[in-house]
Amino acid sequence: MRVSSCLTRSSVVLLGLVGLGSFGCQKKDPEACTQAQQVTRQALAIDDFTSARSWREYAYKQCDDTAVLTALDKEVVDREAAVLAKKTADEKSAAETRQLVQLFIDFVAQNRAAPERASANPVCEPPADPAAAKPGEESKERFCVATRQAGTHSLEARYYDADHTAVRFTTTPPDAIDCKLISGTVSKSWDVPAVGGKTVKRSRCDLTGPLAGLTAVVSGAPKAPLYVISSTYVDRDPGWRTILVGP
């Protein structure tokens, strides 16, 4: 009996799965072609580009349809480009966040004793009870806001005009941050609602260094406000107690 010098279809598939090279008389195999495309896409789904490229090469050995191969090549290239673009954007956002947090720390440290000096033109709310002021004087029973720009970001100091020790500083970093990034340690954490019916952690941070004696409040979501408050702030602004102190 004459023994064929070519491998059977099942042998080709098996050898292709373990990455063996092609044989000179190997024929194209539609079933192996389909499988190679499927596994290439599975590898792309988990960003395993080494495996994806290997299976894409195997597809070239098994597929006759050049349009199918061209489409598969485009998927590999597009996915690699998307992952690289996201990585670059994430690195840029992380660097921007670190820079903003450092600027914010400096802003708070420089203005914690005199928040009215945080900007040249603080804006004050109407007094809660204008009649309570002495004749000829303006009531200071009100909140004022001093704002400074840091590039595209705002640095804000909100203070009680009759008691400047009651102050809340705010900025909004691009990325989620934790207590460690603002030189603090977690004193309390609780869940708050987030997009899509999910929840994220909000934490109070005891601060050290130039912000010692103040408390930060951070949330584990991108573009969530970062707060630094004095110990007396929520006494003057009790509506913020749940947000800044927690349940």
Protein backbone atom coordinates (compact mmCIF):
# COMPACT_ATOMS: atom_id res chain seq x y z
CA MET A 1 0.00 0.00 0.00
CA ARG A 2 1.31 3.43 -0.93
CA VAL A 3 1.67 5.74 2.07
CA SER A 4 0.71 9.37 1.34
CA SER A 5 3.48 11.88 1.94
CA CYS A 6 0.89 14.47 3.06
CA LEU A 7 -0.59 14.72 6.54
CA THR A 8 -4.30 14.26 7.14
CA ARG A 9 -6.48 17.25 7.89
CA SER A 10 -6.76 16.32 11.58
CA SER A 11 -2.99 16.09 11.82
CA VAL A 12 -2.58 19.54 10.31
CA VAL A 13 -4.99 21.04 12.81
CA LEU A 14 -3.22 19.32 15.70
CA LEU A 15 0.20 20.42 14.56
CA GLY A 16 -1.05 23.95 13.95
CA LEU A 17 -2.37 24.10 17.52
CA VAL A 18 1.04 23.35 18.95
CA GLY A 19 2.75 25.84 16.64
CA LEU A 20 4.62 23.43 14.35
CA GLY A 21 5.74 24.72 10.97
CA SER A 22 3.89 24.03 7.75
CA PHE A 23 4.72 21.14 5.48
CA GLY A 24 5.37 21.58 1.80
CA CYS A 25 2.37 19.53 0.65
CA GLN A 26 -0.08 20.82 3.29
CA LYS A 27 -3.39 21.94 1.83
CA LYS A 28 -5.55 24.84 2.97
CA ASP A 29 -8.11 23.76 5.53
CA PRO A 30 -11.38 25.74 5.98
CA GLU A 31 -12.03 24.27 9.42
CA ALA A 32 -8.54 25.17 10.65
CA CYS A 33 -8.92 28.59 9.01
CA THR A 34 -12.08 29.27 11.03
CA GLN A 35 -10.48 28.05 14.22
CA ALA A 36 -7.38 30.20 13.68
CA GLN A 37 -9.55 33.29 13.26
CA GLN A 38 -11.53 32.49 16.40
CA VAL A 39 -8.46 31.94 18.55
CA THR A 40 -6.80 35.08 17.15
CA ARG A 41 -9.83 37.11 18.22
CA GLN A 42 -9.91 35.42 21.63
CA ALA A 43 -6.27 36.45 22.14
CA LEU A 44 -7.07 40.01 21.06
CA ALA A 45 -9.93 40.15 23.56
CA ILE A 46 -7.44 39.68 26.40
CA ASP A 47 -4.73 41.79 24.74
CA ASP A 48 -2.41 38.83 24.25
CA PHE A 49 -0.79 40.15 21.07
CA THR A 50 1.99 37.54 20.96
CA SER A 51 -0.56 34.73 20.69
CA ALA A 52 -2.75 36.75 18.36
CA ARG A 53 0.11 37.25 15.91
CA SER A 54 1.02 33.55 16.05
CA TRP A 55 -2.54 32.49 15.31
CA ARG A 56 -2.84 35.12 12.60
CA GLU A 57 0.22 33.55 10.91
CA TYR A 58 -1.41 30.14 11.24
CA ALA A 59 -4.57 31.56 9.62
CA TYR A 60 -2.48 32.61 6.61
CA LYS A 61 -1.44 28.98 6.16
CA GLN A 62 -5.01 27.69 6.33
CA CYS A 63 -7.22 30.35 4.72
CA ASP A 64 -7.77 30.81 0.97
CA ASP A 65 -9.91 33.95 1.23
CA THR A 66 -7.59 36.98 1.20
CA ALA A 67 -10.46 39.28 2.24
CA VAL A 68 -10.82 37.27 5.47
CA LEU A 69 -7.10 37.57 6.12
CA THR A 70 -7.07 41.30 5.40
CA ALA A 71 -9.94 41.82 7.85
CA LEU A 72 -8.13 39.77 10.48
CA ASP A 73 -4.95 41.81 9.99
CA LYS A 74 -6.95 45.01 10.46
CA GLU A 75 -8.44 43.73 13.71
CA VAL A 76 -4.97 42.94 15.08
CA VAL A 77 -3.54 46.31 14.04
CA ASP A 78 -6.55 48.29 15.27
CA ARG A 79 -6.63 46.56 18.64
CA GLU A 80 -2.90 47.06 19.21
CA ALA A 81 -3.26 50.74 18.30
CA ALA A 82 -6.24 51.16 20.64
CA VAL A 83 -4.43 49.55 23.55
CA LEU A 84 -1.33 51.68 22.96
CA ALA A 85 -3.45 54.85 22.74
CA LYS A 86 -5.23 53.99 25.98
CA LYS A 87 -1.96 53.26 27.75
CA THR A 88 -0.54 56.60 26.59
CA ALA A 89 -3.70 58.44 27.68
CA ASP A 90 -3.71 56.67 31.07
CA GLU A 91 -0.07 57.57 31.70
CA LYS A 92 -0.74 61.20 30.77
CA SER A 93 -3.80 61.33 33.02
CA ALA A 94 -1.91 59.77 35.93
CA ALA A 95 0.91 62.31 35.56
CA GLU A 96 -1.60 65.16 35.38
CA THR A 97 -3.32 63.87 38.51
CA ARG A 98 -0.07 63.66 40.47
CA GLN A 99 0.90 67.16 39.37
CA LEU A 100 -2.51 68.60 40.27
CA VAL A 101 -2.55 66.96 43.68
CA GLN A 102 0.87 68.45 44.48
CA LEU A 103 -0.30 71.90 43.35
CA PHE A 104 -3.40 71.47 45.49
CA ILE A 105 -1.35 70.49 48.55
CA ASP A 106 0.75 73.63 48.09
CA PHE A 107 -2.39 75.74 47.59
CA VAL A 108 -3.96 74.44 50.81
CA ALA A 109 -0.75 74.80 52.80
CA GLN A 110 -0.28 78.40 51.65
CA ASN A 111 -3.87 79.46 52.35
CA ARG A 112 -5.12 77.37 55.26
CA ALA A 113 -4.45 80.17 57.77
CA ALA A 114 -5.96 82.91 55.60
CA PRO A 115 -8.26 81.39 52.94
CA GLU A 116 -9.52 84.85 51.93
CA ARG A 117 -6.11 85.39 50.33
CA ALA A 118 -6.46 82.36 48.05
CA SER A 119 -7.62 84.68 45.26
CA ALA A 120 -7.62 88.42 44.63
CA ASN A 121 -11.42 88.61 44.46
CA PRO A 122 -13.30 86.20 46.73
CA VAL A 123 -17.04 86.00 46.06
CA CYS A 124 -19.34 85.97 49.08
CA GLU A 125 -22.89 84.69 49.38
CA PRO A 126 -25.66 86.88 50.78
CA PRO A 127 -25.66 86.85 54.62
CA ALA A 128 -27.91 84.28 56.23
CA ASP A 129 -29.46 87.03 58.40
CA PRO A 130 -28.60 90.54 57.19
CA ALA A 131 -30.52 92.09 60.08
CA ALA A 132 -28.16 90.48 62.58
CA ALA A 133 -25.30 92.78 61.58
CA LYS A 134 -24.48 95.84 63.64
CA PRO A 135 -25.75 99.15 62.25
CA GLY A 136 -23.52 100.34 59.42
CA GLU A 137 -21.73 96.96 59.13
CA GLU A 138 -22.18 94.08 56.71
CA SER A 139 -23.00 90.71 58.23
CA LYS A 140 -20.22 88.14 58.00
CA GLU A 141 -22.54 85.21 58.70
CA ARG A 142 -22.00 83.87 55.18
CA PHE A 143 -19.74 81.69 53.08
CA CYS A 144 -17.20 83.09 50.64
CA VAL A 145 -15.35 81.32 47.82
CA ALA A 146 -11.83 82.10 46.63
CA THR A 147 -10.79 80.42 43.38
CA ARG A 148 -7.51 80.05 41.55
CA GLN A 149 -6.87 78.34 38.22
CA ALA A 150 -4.21 75.68 37.70
CA GLY A 151 -4.24 75.15 33.96
CA THR A 152 -7.68 73.74 33.17
CA HIS A 153 -8.33 72.88 36.82
CA SER A 154 -9.77 75.02 39.60
CA LEU A 155 -8.42 75.24 43.14
CA GLU A 156 -11.12 76.49 45.49
CA ALA A 157 -11.28 77.63 49.10
CA ARG A 158 -14.74 77.97 50.66
CA TYR A 159 -14.68 79.58 54.09
CA TYR A 160 -17.06 81.08 56.63
CA ASP A 161 -16.59 84.81 56.65
CA ALA A 162 -17.16 85.17 60.39
CA ASP A 163 -14.73 82.34 61.17
CA HIS A 164 -11.99 81.74 58.61
CA THR A 165 -10.86 78.59 60.42
CA ALA A 166 -13.98 76.90 58.98
CA VAL A 167 -12.72 76.16 55.49
CA ARG A 168 -13.11 73.57 52.75
CA PHE A 169 -10.59 73.30 49.90
CA THR A 170 -11.60 71.55 46.68
CA THR A 171 -10.20 70.43 43.33
CA THR A 172 -11.14 67.71 40.84
CA PRO A 173 -8.34 65.37 39.68
CA PRO A 174 -8.70 63.48 36.38
CA ASP A 175 -8.11 60.09 38.04
CA ALA A 176 -9.37 58.46 41.20
CA ILE A 177 -6.98 58.99 44.10
CA ASP A 178 -6.41 57.46 47.49
CA CYS A 179 -5.28 58.80 50.85
CA LYS A 180 -1.68 57.84 50.19
CA LEU A 181 -1.41 60.17 47.19
CA ILE A 182 -2.23 63.16 49.40
CA SER A 183 0.08 62.03 52.22
CA GLY A 184 -2.67 60.70 54.44
CA THR A 185 -3.90 57.54 56.13
CA VAL A 186 -7.46 56.19 56.01
CA SER A 187 -9.50 56.89 59.14
CA LYS A 188 -12.89 55.87 57.72
CA SER A 189 -14.35 54.45 54.48
CA TRP A 190 -17.89 54.01 53.23
CA ASP A 191 -19.72 53.23 49.98
CA VAL A 192 -21.35 55.92 47.83
CA PRO A 193 -23.46 55.53 44.65
CA ALA A 194 -21.65 55.62 41.32
CA VAL A 195 -22.50 55.49 37.61
CA GLY A 196 -24.41 52.45 36.38
CA GLY A 197 -25.88 51.51 39.74
CA LYS A 198 -22.46 50.66 41.14
CA THR A 199 -20.79 51.96 44.28
CA VAL A 200 -17.31 53.32 45.00
CA LYS A 201 -15.42 53.87 48.21
CA ARG A 202 -15.19 57.29 49.77
CA SER A 203 -12.54 57.71 52.44
CA ARG A 204 -11.55 60.22 55.08
CA CYS A 205 -7.82 60.71 55.39
CA ASP A 206 -5.84 61.99 58.36
CA LEU A 207 -3.17 64.19 56.81
CA THR A 208 0.47 64.69 57.66
CA GLY A 209 3.20 67.09 56.57
CA PRO A 210 2.14 70.61 55.56
CA LEU A 211 -1.54 69.66 55.85
CA ALA A 212 -1.32 68.10 59.32
CA GLY A 213 -4.41 68.88 61.38
CA LEU A 214 -6.68 68.91 58.32
CA THR A 215 -8.73 66.06 56.87
CA ALA A 216 -9.04 64.96 53.24
CA VAL A 217 -12.00 63.22 51.65
CA VAL A 218 -11.30 61.18 48.49
CA SER A 219 -13.47 59.00 46.25
CA GLY A 220 -12.45 55.98 44.21
CA ALA A 221 -13.77 57.28 40.90
CA PRO A 222 -12.26 59.39 38.11
CA LYS A 223 -13.14 63.09 38.15
CA ALA A 224 -14.45 62.91 41.71
CA PRO A 225 -13.83 66.01 43.84
CA LEU A 226 -10.98 65.96 46.33
CA TYR A 227 -11.78 67.84 49.54
CA VAL A 228 -9.57 69.04 52.36
CA ILE A 229 -11.47 70.42 55.34
CA SER A 230 -10.79 71.94 58.74
CA SER A 231 -12.21 70.35 61.88
CA THR A 232 -14.87 73.08 62.24
CA TYR A 233 -16.08 73.26 58.65
CA VAL A 234 -19.12 70.95 58.90
CA ASP A 235 -20.25 72.75 62.07
CA ARG A 236 -20.75 75.83 59.89
CA ASP A 237 -22.01 73.87 56.87
CA PRO A 238 -23.93 70.87 58.33
CA GLY A 239 -25.54 70.02 54.98
CA TRP A 240 -22.14 68.63 53.91
CA ARG A 241 -21.72 66.38 56.93
CA THR A 242 -22.84 63.19 55.18
CA ILE A 243 -20.52 63.83 52.22
CA LEU A 244 -17.48 64.82 54.24
CA VAL A 245 -17.91 62.81 57.44
CA GLY A 246 -19.88 59.83 56.20
CA PRO A 247 -22.88 57.94 57.59
